[in-house]
Amino acid sequence: MKSAPNDNIVFRDIDKSPTLANTVSKKLHKLERYCGEIIRSRVVLEAPHQHKTKGKQFKASVELALSGSPLTISSESESIHRAVNGAFESAERCLKERSERRKTLRHQSLAPLDPVD
């Protein structure tokens, strides 16, 4: 990743927490294992207005600028930590699937053609 990890964590309507920022930073670095093509990342942690029936919901959004197409994933939960974990688990799953698709396409293009008799 090109940018500093703490510069791309945005807190909206939530007090800045060094512990939470450190957790998010570690999870961003972990994503690099699955995809080395991350150009830029941004994580938005927010507490939208209280929902009438669901109560207080927290939202975590992970935005990744990848070579090819960007990836944005959000997760909501009653706990900001659960929302962060859910968003990063989904991002990890998407990056793994993307990597597998690329490997499959690469192997198909490199496979030798069957000789015609």
C-alpha atoms as a PDB file:
ATOM      1  CA  MET A   1       0.000   0.000   0.000  1.00  0.00           C
ATOM      2  CA  LYS A   2       1.296   3.429  -0.882  1.00  0.00           C
ATOM      3  CA  SER A   3      -0.231   5.592   1.877  1.00  0.00           C
ATOM      4  CA  ALA A   4       0.316   5.655   5.623  1.00  0.00           C
ATOM      5  CA  PRO A   5      -2.255   3.451   7.365  1.00  0.00           C
ATOM      6  CA  ASN A   6      -3.509   5.928   9.989  1.00  0.00           C
ATOM      7  CA  ASP A   7      -4.057   8.715   7.456  1.00  0.00           C
ATOM      8  CA  ASN A   8      -6.802   6.774   5.733  1.00  0.00           C
ATOM      9  CA  ILE A   9      -9.001   5.950   8.754  1.00  0.00           C
ATOM     10  CA  VAL A  10     -11.954   8.304   9.084  1.00  0.00           C
ATOM     11  CA  PHE A  11     -14.056   8.532  12.267  1.00  0.00           C
ATOM     12  CA  ARG A  12     -17.548  10.010  11.830  1.00  0.00           C
ATOM     13  CA  ASP A  13     -19.643  10.719  14.923  1.00  0.00           C
ATOM     14  CA  ILE A  14     -17.315   8.430  16.908  1.00  0.00           C
ATOM     15  CA  ASP A  15     -14.491   9.431  19.231  1.00  0.00           C
ATOM     16  CA  LYS A  16     -11.074   8.620  17.800  1.00  0.00           C
ATOM     17  CA  SER A  17      -9.695   5.539  19.459  1.00  0.00           C
ATOM     18  CA  PRO A  18      -6.002   4.650  19.115  1.00  0.00           C
ATOM     19  CA  THR A  19      -6.836   1.000  19.858  1.00  0.00           C
ATOM     20  CA  LEU A  20      -9.470   0.846  17.134  1.00  0.00           C
ATOM     21  CA  ALA A  21      -7.172   2.668  14.688  1.00  0.00           C
ATOM     22  CA  ASN A  22      -4.403   0.163  15.474  1.00  0.00           C
ATOM     23  CA  THR A  23      -6.788  -2.779  14.888  1.00  0.00           C
ATOM     24  CA  VAL A  24      -7.907  -1.352  11.551  1.00  0.00           C
ATOM     25  CA  SER A  25      -4.299  -0.716  10.526  1.00  0.00           C
ATOM     26  CA  LYS A  26      -3.334  -4.328  11.299  1.00  0.00           C
ATOM     27  CA  LYS A  27      -6.313  -5.618   9.308  1.00  0.00           C
ATOM     28  CA  LEU A  28      -5.366  -3.420   6.334  1.00  0.00           C
ATOM     29  CA  HIS A  29      -1.845  -4.827   6.334  1.00  0.00           C
ATOM     30  CA  LYS A  30      -3.269  -8.342   6.545  1.00  0.00           C
ATOM     31  CA  LEU A  31      -5.264  -7.687   3.345  1.00  0.00           C
ATOM     32  CA  GLU A  32      -1.976  -7.107   1.498  1.00  0.00           C
ATOM     33  CA  ARG A  33      -1.250 -10.836   1.859  1.00  0.00           C
ATOM     34  CA  TYR A  34      -4.202 -11.641  -0.366  1.00  0.00           C
ATOM     35  CA  CYS A  35      -3.746  -8.870  -2.888  1.00  0.00           C
ATOM     36  CA  GLY A  36      -0.533  -6.981  -3.509  1.00  0.00           C
ATOM     37  CA  GLU A  37      -2.313  -4.713  -5.983  1.00  0.00           C
ATOM     38  CA  ILE A  38      -3.856  -2.405  -3.373  1.00  0.00           C
ATOM     39  CA  ILE A  39      -3.005   1.114  -4.485  1.00  0.00           C
ATOM     40  CA  ARG A  40      -4.903   3.052  -1.846  1.00  0.00           C
ATOM     41  CA  SER A  41      -7.247   2.240   1.020  1.00  0.00           C
ATOM     42  CA  ARG A  42      -9.723   4.133   3.130  1.00  0.00           C
ATOM     43  CA  VAL A  43     -11.725   2.940   6.127  1.00  0.00           C
ATOM     44  CA  VAL A  44     -14.728   4.901   7.370  1.00  0.00           C
ATOM     45  CA  LEU A  45     -16.054   4.159  10.862  1.00  0.00           C
ATOM     46  CA  GLU A  46     -19.314   5.836  11.712  1.00  0.00           C
ATOM     47  CA  ALA A  47     -22.280   5.853  14.031  1.00  0.00           C
ATOM     48  CA  PRO A  48     -25.288   6.873  11.956  1.00  0.00           C
ATOM     49  CA  HIS A  49     -28.328   8.274  13.689  1.00  0.00           C
ATOM     50  CA  GLN A  50     -30.122   5.910  16.024  1.00  0.00           C
ATOM     51  CA  HIS A  51     -32.560   3.625  14.205  1.00  0.00           C
ATOM     52  CA  LYS A  52     -36.073   3.442  15.657  1.00  0.00           C
ATOM     53  CA  THR A  53     -36.355  -0.339  15.743  1.00  0.00           C
ATOM     54  CA  LYS A  54     -32.762  -1.579  15.593  1.00  0.00           C
ATOM     55  CA  GLY A  55     -31.264   0.788  18.148  1.00  0.00           C
ATOM     56  CA  LYS A  56     -27.774   2.201  17.747  1.00  0.00           C
ATOM     57  CA  GLN A  57     -26.015   0.725  14.726  1.00  0.00           C
ATOM     58  CA  PHE A  58     -22.365   1.236  13.845  1.00  0.00           C
ATOM     59  CA  LYS A  59     -21.095   1.065  10.279  1.00  0.00           C
ATOM     60  CA  ALA A  60     -17.651   0.212   8.956  1.00  0.00           C
ATOM     61  CA  SER A  61     -16.788   0.707   5.280  1.00  0.00           C
ATOM     62  CA  VAL A  62     -13.606  -0.508   3.604  1.00  0.00           C
ATOM     63  CA  GLU A  63     -12.738   1.140   0.287  1.00  0.00           C
ATOM     64  CA  LEU A  64      -9.839  -0.348  -1.678  1.00  0.00           C
ATOM     65  CA  ALA A  65      -8.432   1.113  -4.877  1.00  0.00           C
ATOM     66  CA  LEU A  66      -7.124  -1.874  -6.817  1.00  0.00           C
ATOM     67  CA  SER A  67      -5.573  -2.054 -10.223  1.00  0.00           C
ATOM     68  CA  GLY A  68      -8.563  -2.854 -12.369  1.00  0.00           C
ATOM     69  CA  SER A  69     -11.651  -2.025 -10.349  1.00  0.00           C
ATOM     70  CA  PRO A  70     -12.247  -0.518  -6.907  1.00  0.00           C
ATOM     71  CA  LEU A  71     -13.781  -2.528  -4.080  1.00  0.00           C
ATOM     72  CA  THR A  72     -16.098  -1.093  -1.419  1.00  0.00           C
ATOM     73  CA  ILE A  73     -17.535  -3.202   1.383  1.00  0.00           C
ATOM     74  CA  SER A  74     -19.672  -2.139   4.337  1.00  0.00           C
ATOM     75  CA  SER A  75     -20.873  -3.865   7.461  1.00  0.00           C
ATOM     76  CA  GLU A  76     -23.291  -2.769  10.188  1.00  0.00           C
ATOM     77  CA  SER A  77     -23.633  -4.036  13.749  1.00  0.00           C
ATOM     78  CA  GLU A  78     -24.511  -2.980  17.294  1.00  0.00           C
ATOM     79  CA  SER A  79     -20.777  -2.973  18.088  1.00  0.00           C
ATOM     80  CA  ILE A  80     -18.182  -1.019  16.122  1.00  0.00           C
ATOM     81  CA  HIS A  81     -15.724  -3.890  16.600  1.00  0.00           C
ATOM     82  CA  ARG A  82     -18.163  -6.404  15.078  1.00  0.00           C
ATOM     83  CA  ALA A  83     -18.823  -4.036  12.183  1.00  0.00           C
ATOM     84  CA  VAL A  84     -15.067  -3.691  11.548  1.00  0.00           C
ATOM     85  CA  ASN A  85     -14.534  -7.456  11.736  1.00  0.00           C
ATOM     86  CA  GLY A  86     -17.462  -8.109   9.381  1.00  0.00           C
ATOM     87  CA  ALA A  87     -16.275  -5.585   6.812  1.00  0.00           C
ATOM     88  CA  PHE A  88     -12.708  -6.909   6.803  1.00  0.00           C
ATOM     89  CA  GLU A  89     -13.841 -10.551   6.632  1.00  0.00           C
ATOM     90  CA  SER A  90     -15.923  -9.714   3.567  1.00  0.00           C
ATOM     91  CA  ALA A  91     -13.045  -7.771   2.002  1.00  0.00           C
ATOM     92  CA  GLU A  92     -10.681 -10.685   2.636  1.00  0.00           C
ATOM     93  CA  ARG A  93     -13.146 -13.105   1.035  1.00  0.00           C
ATOM     94  CA  CYS A  94     -13.554 -10.866  -2.027  1.00  0.00           C
ATOM     95  CA  LEU A  95      -9.784 -10.479  -2.460  1.00  0.00           C
ATOM     96  CA  LYS A  96      -9.270 -14.249  -2.184  1.00  0.00           C
ATOM     97  CA  GLU A  97     -11.965 -14.870  -4.827  1.00  0.00           C
ATOM     98  CA  ARG A  98     -10.419 -12.236  -7.078  1.00  0.00           C
ATOM     99  CA  SER A  99      -7.001 -13.837  -6.695  1.00  0.00           C
ATOM    100  CA  GLU A 100      -8.377 -17.309  -7.495  1.00  0.00           C
ATOM    101  CA  ARG A 101     -10.170 -15.999 -10.596  1.00  0.00           C
ATOM    102  CA  ARG A 102      -6.956 -14.400 -11.833  1.00  0.00           C
ATOM    103  CA  LYS A 103      -4.984 -17.597 -11.232  1.00  0.00           C
ATOM    104  CA  THR A 104      -7.594 -19.633 -13.108  1.00  0.00           C
ATOM    105  CA  LEU A 105      -7.566 -17.235 -16.045  1.00  0.00           C
ATOM    106  CA  ARG A 106      -3.773 -17.194 -16.091  1.00  0.00           C
ATOM    107  CA  HIS A 107      -3.579 -20.998 -16.106  1.00  0.00           C
ATOM    108  CA  GLN A 108      -6.196 -21.249 -18.845  1.00  0.00           C
ATOM    109  CA  SER A 109      -4.290 -18.833 -21.049  1.00  0.00           C
ATOM    110  CA  LEU A 110      -0.999 -20.675 -20.457  1.00  0.00           C
ATOM    111  CA  ALA A 111      -2.436 -24.170 -21.027  1.00  0.00           C
ATOM    112  CA  PRO A 112      -1.093 -25.820 -24.166  1.00  0.00           C
ATOM    113  CA  LEU A 113      -3.520 -26.357 -26.976  1.00  0.00           C
ATOM    114  CA  ASP A 114      -4.479 -29.909 -27.833  1.00  0.00           C
ATOM    115  CA  PRO A 115      -2.939 -31.014 -31.117  1.00  0.00           C
ATOM    116  CA  VAL A 116      -5.447 -31.611 -33.859  1.00  0.00           C
ATOM    117  CA  ASP A 117      -5.137 -35.046 -35.492  1.00  0.00           C
END
